[in-house]
Protein backbone atom coordinates (compact mmCIF):
# COMPACT_ATOMS: atom_id res chain seq x y z
CA MET A 1 0.00 0.00 0.00
CA ASN A 2 2.85 2.38 0.86
CA ARG A 3 4.38 1.69 -2.57
CA PHE A 4 1.05 2.54 -4.20
CA PHE A 5 0.80 5.91 -2.43
CA SER A 6 4.45 6.67 -3.16
CA ALA A 7 3.87 5.99 -6.85
CA LEU A 8 0.71 8.10 -6.80
CA ILE A 9 2.53 11.06 -5.22
CA PHE A 10 5.38 10.69 -7.74
CA CYS A 11 2.93 10.76 -10.66
CA PHE A 12 1.21 13.83 -9.18
CA LEU A 13 4.52 15.67 -8.90
CA ILE A 14 5.45 14.80 -12.50
CA VAL A 15 2.07 15.93 -13.87
CA ASN A 16 2.18 19.09 -11.75
CA SER A 17 5.69 19.95 -12.97
CA PHE A 18 4.55 19.61 -16.61
CA ALA A 19 1.47 21.73 -15.88
CA GLN A 20 3.71 24.54 -14.61
CA THR A 21 6.05 24.42 -17.62
CA LYS A 22 5.38 27.30 -20.00
CA GLY A 23 5.77 26.84 -23.71
CA ALA A 24 6.97 29.44 -26.18
CA PRO A 25 5.62 29.97 -29.69
CA ILE A 26 7.86 29.17 -32.65
CA THR A 27 7.94 32.05 -35.10
CA ILE A 28 9.10 31.48 -38.66
CA GLY A 29 9.32 34.56 -40.82
CA THR A 30 7.61 37.93 -40.52
CA ASN A 31 4.30 39.26 -41.82
CA TYR A 32 4.19 42.65 -43.53
CA THR A 33 1.26 44.64 -44.81
CA ILE A 34 2.06 46.71 -47.88
CA LYS A 35 -0.31 49.17 -49.51
CA SER A 36 -0.60 48.59 -53.24
CA ALA A 37 -1.50 51.53 -55.44
CA ILE A 38 -1.85 49.25 -58.46
CA LEU A 39 -4.28 46.86 -56.75
CA ASN A 40 -5.80 49.60 -54.59
CA GLN A 41 -5.62 47.41 -51.47
CA ASP A 42 -3.38 46.34 -48.62
CA ARG A 43 -1.49 43.11 -49.33
CA THR A 44 -0.04 40.82 -46.69
CA ILE A 45 3.29 39.22 -47.48
CA GLN A 46 5.53 36.90 -45.49
CA ILE A 47 9.30 37.14 -45.49
CA TYR A 48 11.78 34.55 -44.28
CA LEU A 49 15.49 35.34 -44.16
CA PRO A 50 18.25 32.70 -44.03
CA GLU A 51 19.41 32.00 -40.49
CA ASP A 52 22.82 33.55 -41.13
CA TYR A 53 21.49 36.53 -43.10
CA HIS A 54 22.52 39.16 -40.53
CA GLN A 55 25.99 37.61 -40.03
CA SER A 56 26.71 37.54 -43.75
CA LYS A 57 27.16 40.04 -46.56
CA GLU A 58 26.21 37.62 -49.32
CA LYS A 59 23.36 38.41 -51.66
CA CYS A 60 20.56 35.87 -51.72
CA PRO A 61 18.32 34.26 -54.32
CA VAL A 62 14.63 34.91 -53.67
CA ILE A 63 11.81 32.36 -53.87
CA TYR A 64 8.38 33.92 -54.39
CA VAL A 65 5.75 31.52 -53.06
CA PHE A 66 2.18 32.15 -54.19
CA ASP A 67 -0.69 31.11 -51.89
CA SER A 68 1.88 31.15 -49.10
CA GLN A 69 -0.74 30.56 -46.44
CA LYS A 70 -0.33 26.94 -47.55
CA TYR A 71 3.17 26.66 -49.04
CA PHE A 72 5.43 29.16 -47.26
CA LEU A 73 7.06 26.43 -45.17
CA ASN A 74 7.80 24.18 -48.15
CA ALA A 75 10.69 26.35 -49.32
CA ILE A 76 11.93 27.02 -45.80
CA SER A 77 12.09 23.35 -44.82
CA TYR A 78 14.14 22.54 -47.93
CA GLN A 79 16.65 25.23 -47.02
CA GLN A 80 16.89 24.29 -43.36
CA ASN A 81 17.49 20.64 -44.24
CA LEU A 82 20.33 21.34 -46.68
CA ARG A 83 21.86 24.73 -45.88
CA PHE A 84 23.96 23.55 -42.91
CA ASN A 85 26.00 21.29 -45.20
CA GLU A 86 26.19 23.83 -48.05
CA GLU A 87 23.97 21.72 -50.27
CA SER A 88 21.85 24.81 -50.89
CA PRO A 89 22.49 28.53 -50.85
CA GLY A 90 20.72 30.61 -48.27
CA PHE A 91 17.70 32.16 -49.96
CA ILE A 92 14.99 34.61 -49.02
CA VAL A 93 11.43 33.31 -49.13
CA VAL A 94 8.69 35.80 -49.98
CA GLY A 95 5.20 34.52 -49.33
CA ILE A 96 2.24 36.04 -51.19
CA LYS A 97 -0.87 35.33 -49.18
CA THR A 98 -4.26 35.03 -50.83
CA ILE A 99 -7.80 34.17 -49.85
CA ASN A 100 -9.81 31.64 -51.83
CA ASN A 101 -12.43 34.01 -53.19
CA GLU A 102 -9.80 36.30 -54.75
CA ARG A 103 -7.60 33.69 -56.45
CA ALA A 104 -9.70 33.54 -59.64
CA LYS A 105 -9.46 37.31 -59.97
CA LEU A 106 -5.72 37.62 -59.24
CA TYR A 107 -4.61 34.67 -61.34
CA ASN A 108 -7.16 34.83 -64.16
CA THR A 109 -9.55 37.71 -64.81
CA GLU A 110 -7.22 40.44 -63.47
CA SER A 111 -3.90 38.65 -63.96
CA LEU A 112 -2.35 41.49 -65.94
CA ASN A 113 -2.98 43.89 -63.08
CA PHE A 114 -1.52 41.41 -60.61
CA SER A 115 1.60 40.85 -62.72
CA ASN A 116 2.11 44.63 -62.81
CA TYR A 117 1.87 44.69 -59.02
CA LEU A 118 4.59 42.04 -58.82
CA GLU A 119 6.88 43.77 -61.30
CA ASN A 120 6.44 47.38 -60.17
CA GLU A 121 5.68 47.19 -56.45
CA LEU A 122 6.43 43.92 -54.68
CA ILE A 123 9.71 42.90 -56.31
CA PRO A 124 11.19 46.44 -56.12
CA PHE A 125 10.20 46.55 -52.43
CA ILE A 126 12.05 43.29 -51.76
CA ASP A 127 15.10 44.27 -53.81
CA SER A 128 15.39 47.67 -52.12
CA ASN A 129 15.08 46.36 -48.57
CA TYR A 130 17.11 43.13 -48.70
CA ARG A 131 20.36 41.85 -50.18
CA THR A 132 18.95 40.04 -53.19
CA LEU A 133 20.46 38.36 -56.21
CA LYS A 134 18.21 39.92 -58.83
CA SER A 135 19.32 37.34 -61.39
CA GLU A 136 18.12 34.43 -59.22
CA ARG A 137 14.40 34.89 -58.63
CA VAL A 138 12.12 31.84 -58.51
CA PHE A 139 8.35 31.66 -59.01
CA PHE A 140 6.46 28.87 -57.22
CA GLY A 141 2.76 28.36 -57.81
CA TRP A 142 0.10 25.67 -57.52
CA GLU A 143 -3.11 25.19 -59.49
CA ARG A 144 -4.37 28.62 -60.67
CA ALA A 145 -1.09 30.22 -59.62
CA ALA A 146 0.83 27.65 -61.69
CA ALA A 147 -1.12 28.57 -64.83
CA PHE A 148 -0.56 32.23 -63.97
CA GLY A 149 3.15 31.38 -63.86
CA VAL A 150 2.96 30.18 -67.47
CA GLU A 151 1.42 33.52 -68.39
CA MET A 152 4.15 35.38 -66.50
CA PHE A 153 6.85 33.38 -68.26
CA ALA A 154 5.37 34.17 -71.66
CA SER A 155 4.91 37.89 -71.01
CA LYS A 156 7.78 38.74 -68.65
CA PRO A 157 10.33 35.90 -68.93
CA ASN A 158 13.14 37.90 -67.31
CA LEU A 159 11.18 38.78 -64.18
CA PHE A 160 11.89 35.32 -62.76
CA LYS A 161 14.72 33.02 -63.71
CA ALA A 162 12.93 29.81 -62.70
CA TYR A 163 9.30 28.76 -62.60
CA PHE A 164 8.16 25.81 -60.48
CA LEU A 165 4.56 25.03 -61.44
CA ALA A 166 2.59 22.32 -59.64
CA SER A 167 -0.70 20.95 -60.98
CA PRO A 168 -1.64 23.87 -63.25
CA THR A 169 -5.37 24.49 -63.76
CA PHE A 170 -6.97 27.00 -66.14
CA LEU A 171 -3.96 26.58 -68.41
CA THR A 172 -5.77 27.97 -71.41
CA ALA A 173 -4.92 27.56 -75.07
CA GLU A 174 -4.24 31.30 -75.18
CA ARG A 175 -1.62 31.05 -72.44
CA ILE A 176 0.08 28.15 -74.19
CA SER A 177 -0.03 30.04 -77.48
CA GLU A 178 1.73 33.02 -75.86
CA VAL A 179 4.57 30.73 -74.83
CA GLY A 180 4.87 29.64 -78.45
CA LYS A 181 5.04 33.27 -79.62
CA LEU A 182 7.82 33.95 -77.10
CA LEU A 183 9.82 30.99 -78.36
CA ASP A 184 9.33 32.03 -81.99
CA LYS A 185 10.81 35.49 -81.44
CA THR A 186 13.59 34.57 -78.99
CA ALA A 187 16.94 32.96 -79.81
CA SER A 188 17.62 31.67 -76.30
CA LEU A 189 16.22 32.03 -72.80
CA ASN A 190 18.15 31.86 -69.54
CA ASN A 191 15.23 30.30 -67.66
CA TYR A 192 14.37 27.03 -66.03
CA LEU A 193 10.74 25.93 -66.43
CA TYR A 194 9.68 22.97 -64.28
CA PHE A 195 6.04 21.86 -64.22
CA THR A 196 4.37 18.80 -62.78
CA LEU A 197 1.11 16.92 -62.66
CA GLY A 198 -0.26 13.79 -61.07
CA ASP A 199 -1.60 11.33 -63.62
CA VAL A 200 -4.90 11.25 -61.66
CA GLU A 201 -5.46 14.93 -62.53
CA VAL A 202 -7.30 14.10 -65.73
CA TRP A 203 -8.94 17.55 -65.87
CA SER A 204 -5.53 19.16 -66.49
CA LEU A 205 -3.83 16.42 -68.44
CA GLU A 206 -4.66 17.64 -71.96
CA SER A 207 -3.56 21.25 -71.42
CA THR A 208 -0.40 20.34 -69.53
CA ASN A 209 0.58 17.79 -72.15
CA SER A 210 -0.04 20.44 -74.81
CA LEU A 211 2.44 22.75 -73.09
CA ALA A 212 5.00 19.94 -72.95
CA GLU A 213 4.45 19.15 -76.63
CA LEU A 214 4.95 22.80 -77.57
CA LEU A 215 8.19 23.00 -75.61
CA ASN A 216 9.41 19.73 -77.06
CA ASN A 217 8.85 21.06 -80.58
CA LYS A 218 10.22 24.57 -80.10
CA ALA A 219 12.24 24.96 -76.91
CA ASN A 220 14.85 22.21 -76.95
CA GLY A 221 18.28 23.78 -77.13
CA MET A 222 17.05 27.27 -76.25
CA LEU A 223 15.36 26.76 -72.88
CA ARG A 224 15.99 24.47 -69.95
CA TRP A 225 12.71 22.80 -69.03
CA LYS A 226 11.29 19.61 -67.56
CA TYR A 227 7.84 18.08 -67.20
CA ASP A 228 7.15 15.39 -64.61
CA LEU A 229 3.93 13.39 -64.79
CA PHE A 230 3.81 11.53 -61.49
CA LYS A 231 2.13 8.18 -61.03
CA ASP A 232 2.12 8.36 -57.24
CA GLU A 233 1.17 12.01 -56.61
CA ASN A 234 -2.17 13.82 -56.66
CA HIS A 235 -3.51 17.37 -56.96
CA TYR A 236 -2.34 18.28 -53.47
CA SER A 237 0.89 16.35 -53.00
CA THR A 238 2.56 17.63 -56.18
CA THR A 239 3.41 20.85 -54.33
CA ILE A 240 5.93 19.08 -52.10
CA VAL A 241 7.86 17.24 -54.78
CA THR A 242 7.71 20.19 -57.17
CA MET A 243 9.35 22.50 -54.65
CA ASN A 244 11.98 19.97 -53.58
CA LYS A 245 12.91 18.71 -57.05
CA GLY A 246 12.73 22.18 -58.52
CA LEU A 247 15.09 23.71 -55.97
CA LYS A 248 17.46 20.75 -56.15
CA SER A 249 17.74 21.08 -59.91
CA PHE A 250 17.90 24.88 -59.94
CA PHE A 251 20.70 24.98 -57.35
CA ARG A 252 22.47 21.88 -58.65
CA ASP A 253 25.74 23.76 -59.18
CA TYR A 254 25.93 25.12 -55.63
CA ALA A 255 26.89 22.11 -53.51
CA PRO A 256 30.59 21.13 -53.35
CA ILE A 257 31.32 18.83 -56.28
CA ARG A 258 32.09 15.24 -55.35
CA TYR A 259 33.58 12.70 -57.73
CA TYR A 260 33.36 9.03 -56.81
CA SER A 261 36.36 7.90 -58.85
CA LEU A 262 39.36 9.53 -60.45
CA LYS A 263 38.09 8.25 -63.78
CA GLU A 264 34.90 10.26 -63.29
CA TYR A 265 37.03 13.30 -62.37
CA ARG A 266 39.18 12.96 -65.50
CA ASN A 267 36.20 12.32 -67.77
CA ALA A 268 34.64 15.53 -66.45
CA GLY A 269 37.69 17.46 -67.65
CA GLY A 270 40.06 17.26 -64.69
CA ILE A 271 41.44 20.30 -62.92
CA THR A 272 40.77 22.71 -65.80
CA ALA A 273 37.06 21.91 -65.88
CA LEU A 274 36.88 21.90 -62.08
CA ASN A 275 38.30 25.43 -61.82
CA GLU A 276 35.89 26.58 -64.53
CA LEU A 277 32.92 25.10 -62.66
CA PHE A 278 33.78 26.92 -59.46
CA LYS A 279 34.49 30.12 -61.37
CA ASN A 280 30.99 29.96 -62.86
CA ARG A 281 29.54 29.06 -59.45
CA GLY A 282 31.20 32.08 -57.86
CA GLU A 283 29.97 34.40 -60.59
CA ARG A 284 26.42 33.10 -60.38
CA TYR A 285 26.05 33.31 -56.59
CA GLN A 286 28.56 36.17 -56.09
CA ILE A 287 30.69 34.10 -53.72
CA SER A 288 34.26 32.81 -53.77
CA LYS A 289 35.42 31.31 -57.08
CA ALA A 290 37.91 29.01 -55.37
CA VAL A 291 37.43 25.25 -55.46
CA HIS A 292 35.55 24.25 -52.31
CA SER A 293 37.60 22.66 -49.53
CA ASP A 294 35.26 19.64 -49.45
CA THR A 295 35.90 19.00 -53.14
CA LYS A 296 39.65 19.22 -52.58
CA ARG A 297 39.42 16.75 -49.69
CA TYR A 298 37.35 14.31 -51.76
CA LEU A 299 39.95 14.39 -54.55
CA PHE A 300 42.96 13.87 -52.28
CA LEU A 301 41.20 10.99 -50.55
CA LEU A 302 40.35 9.44 -53.93
CA ALA A 303 44.00 9.61 -54.95
CA VAL A 304 44.96 7.82 -51.72
CA ARG A 305 42.21 5.21 -52.05
CA GLU A 306 43.15 4.45 -55.67
CA ASN A 307 46.88 4.66 -54.87
CA ASP A 308 47.44 7.22 -57.61
CA PHE A 309 50.51 9.12 -56.44
CA LEU A 310 50.86 11.02 -59.71
CA THR A 311 47.39 12.56 -59.36
CA PHE A 312 48.09 13.18 -55.68
CA THR A 313 51.19 15.25 -56.49
CA GLU A 314 49.33 17.11 -59.25
CA LEU A 315 46.63 18.04 -56.74
CA GLU A 316 49.30 19.10 -54.26
CA LYS A 317 50.77 21.52 -56.82
CA GLU A 318 47.33 22.88 -57.69
CA PHE A 319 46.24 23.32 -54.06
CA PRO A 320 49.57 23.83 -52.21
CA SER A 321 48.15 24.93 -48.86
CA PHE A 322 45.31 22.45 -48.54
CA LEU A 323 47.21 19.50 -47.05
CA THR A 324 48.44 21.69 -44.19
CA SER A 325 45.03 23.19 -43.36
CA PHE A 326 43.65 20.32 -41.27
CA SER A 327 42.43 20.79 -37.73
CA ARG A 328 43.20 17.18 -36.67
CA ASP A 329 46.57 15.46 -36.49
CA VAL A 330 45.06 12.21 -37.77
CA MET A 331 44.69 13.79 -41.22
CA PHE A 332 48.41 14.64 -41.28
CA GLU A 333 49.11 11.04 -40.35
CA ARG A 334 46.85 9.71 -43.09
CA PHE A 335 48.36 11.72 -45.93
CA GLY A 336 51.88 11.48 -44.53
CA GLN A 337 51.65 7.71 -44.73
CA PHE A 338 50.69 7.97 -48.38
CA TYR A 339 54.01 9.72 -49.05
CA VAL A 340 55.75 6.91 -47.15
CA GLU A 341 53.93 4.16 -49.03
CA ASN A 342 55.19 5.70 -52.26
CA LYS A 343 58.75 5.99 -50.86
CA ALA A 344 58.65 9.80 -50.93
CA TYR A 345 60.41 9.87 -47.56
CA GLU A 346 61.72 13.43 -47.69
CA SER A 347 58.27 14.75 -48.59
CA ALA A 348 56.79 12.75 -45.71
CA ILE A 349 59.40 14.08 -43.26
CA SER A 350 58.71 17.68 -44.31
CA TYR A 351 54.97 17.09 -44.07
CA TYR A 352 55.14 15.56 -40.59
CA LYS A 353 57.27 18.48 -39.40
CA ILE A 354 54.60 20.92 -40.57
CA GLY A 355 52.01 18.83 -38.76
CA LEU A 356 54.05 18.98 -35.57
CA GLN A 357 54.17 22.76 -35.79
CA LYS A 358 50.38 22.70 -35.59
CA PHE A 359 50.18 19.79 -33.12
CA PRO A 360 53.37 19.91 -31.01
CA ASN A 361 51.97 17.42 -28.50
CA SER A 362 51.00 14.76 -31.04
CA ALA A 363 52.64 11.46 -30.12
CA ARG A 364 51.26 9.82 -33.27
CA LEU A 365 53.02 12.34 -35.54
CA TYR A 366 56.33 11.97 -33.68
CA ASN A 367 56.00 8.19 -34.02
CA ARG A 368 55.32 8.47 -37.75
CA LEU A 369 58.22 10.89 -38.12
CA GLY A 370 60.50 8.42 -36.33
CA GLU A 371 59.41 5.57 -38.60
CA THR A 372 59.99 7.67 -41.70
CA TYR A 373 63.44 8.80 -40.58
CA LYS A 374 64.33 5.13 -40.03
CA LEU A 375 63.16 4.18 -43.54
CA ALA A 376 65.23 7.05 -44.91
CA GLY A 377 68.32 5.72 -43.07
CA LYS A 378 68.47 8.62 -40.61
CA ILE A 379 68.81 6.61 -37.41
CA LYS A 380 69.80 9.43 -35.03
CA GLU A 381 66.85 11.59 -36.12
CA SER A 382 64.61 8.54 -35.88
CA ASN A 383 65.63 7.83 -32.27
CA ASP A 384 65.12 11.49 -31.33
CA ALA A 385 61.59 11.46 -32.78
CA PHE A 386 60.71 8.22 -30.96
CA LYS A 387 61.96 9.68 -27.66
CA LYS A 388 59.77 12.74 -28.11
CA ALA A 389 56.81 10.49 -28.89
CA SER A 390 57.39 8.57 -25.65
CA LYS A 391 57.47 11.76 -23.64
CA LYS A 392 54.19 12.92 -25.18
CA ILE A 393 52.57 9.61 -24.27
CA GLU A 394 53.78 9.90 -20.69
């Protein structure tokens, strides 16, 4: 009985402690109300800034999300999942909120007026108040907004660089025809057009296929585009995959390049092509044009794994400071041993000495230095290094 009452009191204390714990709301982004002279109304927009925005000076791409009361978080979650590992740039998300009974007007009957609002009021407001990459704007829309995106692309192709369009409805023959007129009068377009549909969306299948057919006949070679007809998505779930796949493809050149074999690296053009890729990356995102440290590490590790000492030394000449930039002594040991395995004893000795300047208390590096001196026939130096290693262990 005493155990029962003790357990009862314990449970009461636990429940009471939870009852007294106060939660705090999680806020993502900020709401702004902006008066529009063009639309003659106040418009509510949402703005999300990358987590490191205020600690950085980098300019950011901007994703404009239509009907953001539903889809604002889609773009943010993608960024938060991948930004920490530099798989995605930090980008600003601008949410354009709507209410159901105005969508037909904004995206259809008064679409020209709404596009003027975007071009002459909203986008200038964002560009003047935030560090934006004006060349890297993205349009994301679903259903009516997706078809409106087709209209925007045809009439103002340079306003957005990429268009992600999920499950377009009211994609009229006139809108498709305007795309054809744009393609007929334009030599090339620096856009990416990505549109999707679930195969169960039979009401939109004919019009969306017509757009794809038009692009297939006229746009190949002058416009980057892709159409995905999903077998396992529906009218509502296409929004998730469209955002994720669209962003992944649009930012495909941002993540550090990783080759999985030296053959793949050479087939891609080797060091010349690699430097060109990072030069283009830097110019596009206005960041460093240097080859990313992760890419350098991948290449050096590949050379070790494939026992290609010639490529290793070529990489060393191309990136002379990289092998001495490590923050752990185990990396000096790993690459130092590769010199030893290839009988480059003097290079190994020099490399271990640099490592010991960074890690003067590293017994493992003194041991490796002693072993290398011995292989090089320098017995006195070898004994001295082993003695120092013993002292570090003690």
